[in-house]
Amino acid sequence: MQYIKDMNIASLSTALSQISVQQEAAVEVQKLAMNTVEQQGVALTEMMSQTIADPTLATKVDLLA
């Protein structure tokens, strides 16, 4: 009976270790995703600031059209 308890504790320890590794990997993937989104946001902001040539464009709307 003692062997069964020891085996369960060993299995539990292994399972908890695997869960810990999976969580660490998930956190790293999320960090990569966040960095990518941040870089894309910076690039989009730069692109948008370069495309506005005339600040008076699109300030009026023709409601009769």
PDB file of N, CA and C in Angstrom:
ATOM      1  N   MET A   1       0.816  -1.205   0.000  1.00  0.00           N
ATOM      2  CA  MET A   1       0.000   0.000   0.000  1.00  0.00           C
ATOM      3  C   MET A   1       0.862   1.273   0.000  1.00  0.00           C
ATOM      4  N   GLN A   2       1.995   1.221   0.699  1.00  0.00           N
ATOM      5  CA  GLN A   2       2.887   2.373   0.755  1.00  0.00           C
ATOM      6  C   GLN A   2       3.428   2.710  -0.642  1.00  0.00           C
ATOM      7  N   TYR A   3       3.697   1.666  -1.456  1.00  0.00           N
ATOM      8  CA  TYR A   3       4.208   1.883  -2.807  1.00  0.00           C
ATOM      9  C   TYR A   3       3.211   2.674  -3.644  1.00  0.00           C
ATOM     10  N   ILE A   4       1.920   2.391  -3.495  1.00  0.00           N
ATOM     11  CA  ILE A   4       0.884   3.094  -4.256  1.00  0.00           C
ATOM     12  C   ILE A   4       0.858   4.561  -3.861  1.00  0.00           C
ATOM     13  N   LYS A   5       0.964   4.868  -2.566  1.00  0.00           N
ATOM     14  CA  LYS A   5       0.976   6.268  -2.129  1.00  0.00           C
ATOM     15  C   LYS A   5       2.202   6.986  -2.686  1.00  0.00           C
ATOM     16  N   ASP A   6       3.368   6.319  -2.637  1.00  0.00           N
ATOM     17  CA  ASP A   6       4.579   6.933  -3.163  1.00  0.00           C
ATOM     18  C   ASP A   6       4.462   7.175  -4.669  1.00  0.00           C
ATOM     19  N   MET A   7       3.878   6.241  -5.374  1.00  0.00           N
ATOM     20  CA  MET A   7       3.709   6.393  -6.810  1.00  0.00           C
ATOM     21  C   MET A   7       2.778   7.567  -7.107  1.00  0.00           C
ATOM     22  N   ASN A   8       1.719   7.718  -6.345  1.00  0.00           N
ATOM     23  CA  ASN A   8       0.805   8.828  -6.566  1.00  0.00           C
ATOM     24  C   ASN A   8       1.476  10.158  -6.287  1.00  0.00           C
ATOM     25  N   ILE A   9       2.301  10.218  -5.260  1.00  0.00           N
ATOM     26  CA  ILE A   9       3.012  11.458  -4.953  1.00  0.00           C
ATOM     27  C   ILE A   9       4.004  11.769  -6.076  1.00  0.00           C
ATOM     28  N   ALA A  10       4.675  10.764  -6.573  1.00  0.00           N
ATOM     29  CA  ALA A  10       5.613  10.985  -7.681  1.00  0.00           C
ATOM     30  C   ALA A  10       4.873  11.448  -8.926  1.00  0.00           C
ATOM     31  N   SER A  11       3.737  10.831  -9.207  1.00  0.00           N
ATOM     32  CA  SER A  11       2.947  11.236 -10.369  1.00  0.00           C
ATOM     33  C   SER A  11       2.445  12.665 -10.209  1.00  0.00           C
ATOM     34  N   LEU A  12       2.019  12.999  -9.014  1.00  0.00           N
ATOM     35  CA  LEU A  12       1.533  14.356  -8.743  1.00  0.00           C
ATOM     36  C   LEU A  12       2.656  15.368  -8.904  1.00  0.00           C
ATOM     37  N   SER A  13       3.818  15.027  -8.404  1.00  0.00           N
ATOM     38  CA  SER A  13       4.966  15.919  -8.528  1.00  0.00           C
ATOM     39  C   SER A  13       5.314  16.160  -9.993  1.00  0.00           C
ATOM     40  N   THR A  14       5.307  15.108 -10.782  1.00  0.00           N
ATOM     41  CA  THR A  14       5.597  15.230 -12.212  1.00  0.00           C
ATOM     42  C   THR A  14       4.548  16.083 -12.914  1.00  0.00           C
ATOM     43  N   ALA A  15       3.293  15.845 -12.580  1.00  0.00           N
ATOM     44  CA  ALA A  15       2.204  16.607 -13.193  1.00  0.00           C
ATOM     45  C   ALA A  15       2.311  18.087 -12.843  1.00  0.00           C
ATOM     46  N   LEU A  16       2.603  18.383 -11.593  1.00  0.00           N
ATOM     47  CA  LEU A  16       2.727  19.787 -11.179  1.00  0.00           C
ATOM     48  C   LEU A  16       3.914  20.453 -11.872  1.00  0.00           C
ATOM     49  N   SER A  17       4.989  19.715 -12.048  1.00  0.00           N
ATOM     50  CA  SER A  17       6.151  20.250 -12.745  1.00  0.00           C
ATOM     51  C   SER A  17       5.817  20.558 -14.201  1.00  0.00           C
ATOM     52  N   GLN A  18       5.089  19.663 -14.849  1.00  0.00           N
ATOM     53  CA  GLN A  18       4.693  19.878 -16.241  1.00  0.00           C
ATOM     54  C   GLN A  18       3.773  21.089 -16.360  1.00  0.00           C
ATOM     55  N   ILE A  19       2.864  21.230 -15.408  1.00  0.00           N
ATOM     56  CA  ILE A  19       1.956  22.386 -15.424  1.00  0.00           C
ATOM     57  C   ILE A  19       2.750  23.680 -15.273  1.00  0.00           C
ATOM     58  N   SER A  20       3.737  23.648 -14.389  1.00  0.00           N
ATOM     59  CA  SER A  20       4.567  24.830 -14.181  1.00  0.00           C
ATOM     60  C   SER A  20       5.307  25.210 -15.460  1.00  0.00           C
ATOM     61  N   VAL A  21       5.864  24.233 -16.140  1.00  0.00           N
ATOM     62  CA  VAL A  21       6.578  24.494 -17.400  1.00  0.00           C
ATOM     63  C   VAL A  21       5.618  25.033 -18.460  1.00  0.00           C
ATOM     64  N   GLN A  22       4.414  24.464 -18.515  1.00  0.00           N
ATOM     65  CA  GLN A  22       3.426  24.932 -19.485  1.00  0.00           C
ATOM     66  C   GLN A  22       3.027  26.376 -19.203  1.00  0.00           C
ATOM     67  N   GLN A  23       2.877  26.725 -17.933  1.00  0.00           N
ATOM     68  CA  GLN A  23       2.514  28.096 -17.585  1.00  0.00           C
ATOM     69  C   GLN A  23       3.634  29.064 -17.943  1.00  0.00           C
ATOM     70  N   GLU A  24       4.873  28.664 -17.670  1.00  0.00           N
ATOM     71  CA  GLU A  24       6.003  29.523 -18.028  1.00  0.00           C
ATOM     72  C   GLU A  24       6.073  29.735 -19.540  1.00  0.00           C
ATOM     73  N   ALA A  25       5.831  28.674 -20.293  1.00  0.00           N
ATOM     74  CA  ALA A  25       5.843  28.794 -21.753  1.00  0.00           C
ATOM     75  C   ALA A  25       4.722  29.707 -22.230  1.00  0.00           C
ATOM     76  N   ALA A  26       3.550  29.586 -21.622  1.00  0.00           N
ATOM     77  CA  ALA A  26       2.411  30.426 -22.006  1.00  0.00           C
ATOM     78  C   ALA A  26       2.711  31.897 -21.724  1.00  0.00           C
ATOM     79  N   VAL A  27       3.353  32.165 -20.608  1.00  0.00           N
ATOM     80  CA  VAL A  27       3.708  33.547 -20.269  1.00  0.00           C
ATOM     81  C   VAL A  27       4.696  34.101 -21.291  1.00  0.00           C
ATOM     82  N   GLU A  28       5.668  33.309 -21.680  1.00  0.00           N
ATOM     83  CA  GLU A  28       6.648  33.762 -22.672  1.00  0.00           C
ATOM     84  C   GLU A  28       5.990  34.033 -24.022  1.00  0.00           C
ATOM     85  N   VAL A  29       5.052  33.187 -24.421  1.00  0.00           N
ATOM     86  CA  VAL A  29       4.337  33.402 -25.681  1.00  0.00           C
ATOM     87  C   VAL A  29       3.518  34.685 -25.605  1.00  0.00           C
ATOM     88  N   GLN A  30       2.878  34.932 -24.469  1.00  0.00           N
ATOM     89  CA  GLN A  30       2.106  36.168 -24.302  1.00  0.00           C
ATOM     90  C   GLN A  30       3.016  37.397 -24.364  1.00  0.00           C
ATOM     91  N   LYS A  31       4.198  37.301 -23.771  1.00  0.00           N
ATOM     92  CA  LYS A  31       5.144  38.419 -23.832  1.00  0.00           C
ATOM     93  C   LYS A  31       5.540  38.706 -25.277  1.00  0.00           C
ATOM     94  N   LEU A  32       5.804  37.640 -26.039  1.00  0.00           N
ATOM     95  CA  LEU A  32       6.145  37.827 -27.451  1.00  0.00           C
ATOM     96  C   LEU A  32       5.000  38.475 -28.215  1.00  0.00           C
ATOM     97  N   ALA A  33       3.788  38.038 -27.934  1.00  0.00           N
ATOM     98  CA  ALA A  33       2.619  38.604 -28.607  1.00  0.00           C
ATOM     99  C   ALA A  33       2.461  40.082 -28.252  1.00  0.00           C
ATOM    100  N   MET A  34       2.644  40.407 -26.976  1.00  0.00           N
ATOM    101  CA  MET A  34       2.521  41.800 -26.548  1.00  0.00           C
ATOM    102  C   MET A  34       3.579  42.676 -27.208  1.00  0.00           C
ATOM    103  N   ASN A  35       4.812  42.176 -27.308  1.00  0.00           N
ATOM    104  CA  ASN A  35       5.876  42.944 -27.957  1.00  0.00           C
ATOM    105  C   ASN A  35       5.569  43.160 -29.434  1.00  0.00           C
ATOM    106  N   THR A  36       5.042  42.130 -30.082  1.00  0.00           N
ATOM    107  CA  THR A  36       4.693  42.247 -31.500  1.00  0.00           C
ATOM    108  C   THR A  36       3.604  43.293 -31.703  1.00  0.00           C
ATOM    109  N   VAL A  37       2.575  43.243 -30.866  1.00  0.00           N
ATOM    110  CA  VAL A  37       1.477  44.213 -30.983  1.00  0.00           C
ATOM    111  C   VAL A  37       1.977  45.624 -30.706  1.00  0.00           C
ATOM    112  N   GLU A  38       2.855  45.767 -29.737  1.00  0.00           N
ATOM    113  CA  GLU A  38       3.406  47.092 -29.439  1.00  0.00           C
ATOM    114  C   GLU A  38       4.199  47.626 -30.628  1.00  0.00           C
ATOM    115  N   GLN A  39       5.014  46.778 -31.242  1.00  0.00           N
ATOM    116  CA  GLN A  39       5.780  47.200 -32.416  1.00  0.00           C
ATOM    117  C   GLN A  39       4.864  47.563 -33.572  1.00  0.00           C
ATOM    118  N   GLN A  40       3.799  46.802 -33.767  1.00  0.00           N
ATOM    119  CA  GLN A  40       2.854  47.100 -34.841  1.00  0.00           C
ATOM    120  C   GLN A  40       2.143  48.428 -34.570  1.00  0.00           C
ATOM    121  N   GLY A  41       1.839  48.702 -33.317  1.00  0.00           N
ATOM    122  CA  GLY A  41       1.200  49.969 -32.963  1.00  0.00           C
ATOM    123  C   GLY A  41       2.104  51.156 -33.249  1.00  0.00           C
ATOM    124  N   VAL A  42       3.374  51.016 -32.906  1.00  0.00           N
ATOM    125  CA  VAL A  42       4.336  52.085 -33.184  1.00  0.00           C
ATOM    126  C   VAL A  42       4.462  52.300 -34.689  1.00  0.00           C
ATOM    127  N   ALA A  43       4.548  51.209 -35.426  1.00  0.00           N
ATOM    128  CA  ALA A  43       4.667  51.309 -36.888  1.00  0.00           C
ATOM    129  C   ALA A  43       3.429  51.955 -37.492  1.00  0.00           C
ATOM    130  N   LEU A  44       2.257  51.590 -36.999  1.00  0.00           N
ATOM    131  CA  LEU A  44       1.013  52.170 -37.507  1.00  0.00           C
ATOM    132  C   LEU A  44       0.945  53.657 -37.200  1.00  0.00           C
ATOM    133  N   THR A  45       1.336  54.036 -35.996  1.00  0.00           N
ATOM    134  CA  THR A  45       1.334  55.453 -35.623  1.00  0.00           C
ATOM    135  C   THR A  45       2.276  56.250 -36.515  1.00  0.00           C
ATOM    136  N   GLU A  46       3.458  55.705 -36.769  1.00  0.00           N
ATOM    137  CA  GLU A  46       4.410  56.392 -37.651  1.00  0.00           C
ATOM    138  C   GLU A  46       3.859  56.497 -39.065  1.00  0.00           C
ATOM    139  N   MET A  47       3.260  55.421 -39.540  1.00  0.00           N
ATOM    140  CA  MET A  47       2.704  55.431 -40.889  1.00  0.00           C
ATOM    141  C   MET A  47       1.585  56.465 -41.008  1.00  0.00           C
ATOM    142  N   MET A  48       0.726  56.521 -40.013  1.00  0.00           N
ATOM    143  CA  MET A  48      -0.386  57.469 -40.055  1.00  0.00           C
ATOM    144  C   MET A  48       0.108  58.905 -39.992  1.00  0.00           C
ATOM    145  N   SER A  49       1.142  59.165 -39.220  1.00  0.00           N
ATOM    146  CA  SER A  49       1.660  60.537 -39.129  1.00  0.00           C
ATOM    147  C   SER A  49       2.320  60.964 -40.432  1.00  0.00           C
ATOM    148  N   GLN A  50       2.831  60.022 -41.206  1.00  0.00           N
ATOM    149  CA  GLN A  50       3.474  60.354 -42.478  1.00  0.00           C
ATOM    150  C   GLN A  50       2.464  60.532 -43.607  1.00  0.00           C
ATOM    151  N   THR A  51       1.274  59.976 -43.475  1.00  0.00           N
ATOM    152  CA  THR A  51       0.310  60.043 -44.566  1.00  0.00           C
ATOM    153  C   THR A  51      -0.492  61.335 -44.578  1.00  0.00           C
ATOM    154  N   ILE A  52      -0.530  62.056 -43.500  1.00  0.00           N
ATOM    155  CA  ILE A  52      -1.308  63.295 -43.455  1.00  0.00           C
ATOM    156  C   ILE A  52      -0.452  64.422 -44.023  1.00  0.00           C
ATOM    157  N   ALA A  53      -0.694  64.749 -45.284  1.00  0.00           N
ATOM    158  CA  ALA A  53       0.087  65.775 -45.970  1.00  0.00           C
ATOM    159  C   ALA A  53      -0.510  67.159 -45.747  1.00  0.00           C
ATOM    160  N   ASP A  54      -1.830  67.245 -45.779  1.00  0.00           N
ATOM    161  CA  ASP A  54      -2.518  68.534 -45.640  1.00  0.00           C
ATOM    162  C   ASP A  54      -3.477  68.442 -44.463  1.00  0.00           C
ATOM    163  N   PRO A  55      -3.242  69.216 -43.395  1.00  0.00           N
ATOM    164  CA  PRO A  55      -4.102  69.120 -42.213  1.00  0.00           C
ATOM    165  C   PRO A  55      -5.532  69.614 -42.452  1.00  0.00           C
ATOM    166  N   THR A  56      -5.774  70.315 -43.573  1.00  0.00           N
ATOM    167  CA  THR A  56      -7.128  70.800 -43.843  1.00  0.00           C
ATOM    168  C   THR A  56      -7.972  69.776 -44.593  1.00  0.00           C
ATOM    169  N   LEU A  57      -7.347  68.694 -45.045  1.00  0.00           N
ATOM    170  CA  LEU A  57      -8.093  67.651 -45.737  1.00  0.00           C
ATOM    171  C   LEU A  57      -9.040  66.945 -44.782  1.00  0.00           C
ATOM    172  N   ALA A  58     -10.206  66.618 -45.280  1.00  0.00           N
ATOM    173  CA  ALA A  58     -11.213  65.851 -44.536  1.00  0.00           C
ATOM    174  C   ALA A  58     -11.731  66.576 -43.311  1.00  0.00           C
ATOM    175  N   THR A  59     -11.758  67.904 -43.382  1.00  0.00           N
ATOM    176  CA  THR A  59     -12.323  68.650 -42.247  1.00  0.00           C
ATOM    177  C   THR A  59     -13.747  69.066 -42.527  1.00  0.00           C
ATOM    178  N   LYS A  60     -14.176  68.918 -43.772  1.00  0.00           N
ATOM    179  CA  LYS A  60     -15.544  69.290 -44.137  1.00  0.00           C
ATOM    180  C   LYS A  60     -16.232  68.096 -44.765  1.00  0.00           C
ATOM    181  N   VAL A  61     -17.524  67.983 -44.527  1.00  0.00           N
ATOM    182  CA  VAL A  61     -18.316  66.878 -45.096  1.00  0.00           C
ATOM    183  C   VAL A  61     -19.411  67.484 -45.964  1.00  0.00           C
ATOM    184  N   ASP A  62     -19.521  66.974 -47.184  1.00  0.00           N
ATOM    185  CA  ASP A  62     -20.569  67.421 -48.096  1.00  0.00           C
ATOM    186  C   ASP A  62     -21.823  66.615 -47.820  1.00  0.00           C
ATOM    187  N   LEU A  63     -22.789  67.229 -47.146  1.00  0.00           N
ATOM    188  CA  LEU A  63     -24.011  66.526 -46.772  1.00  0.00           C
ATOM    189  C   LEU A  63     -24.992  66.394 -47.920  1.00  0.00           C
ATOM    190  N   LEU A  64     -24.806  67.134 -49.006  1.00  0.00           N
ATOM    191  CA  LEU A  64     -25.746  67.068 -50.132  1.00  0.00           C
ATOM    192  C   LEU A  64     -25.372  65.965 -51.113  1.00  0.00           C
ATOM    193  N   ALA A  65     -24.239  65.421 -50.994  1.00  0.00           N
ATOM    194  CA  ALA A  65     -23.797  64.406 -51.953  1.00  0.00           C
ATOM    195  C   ALA A  65     -24.522  63.106 -51.760  1.00  0.00           C
TER     196      ALA A  65
END
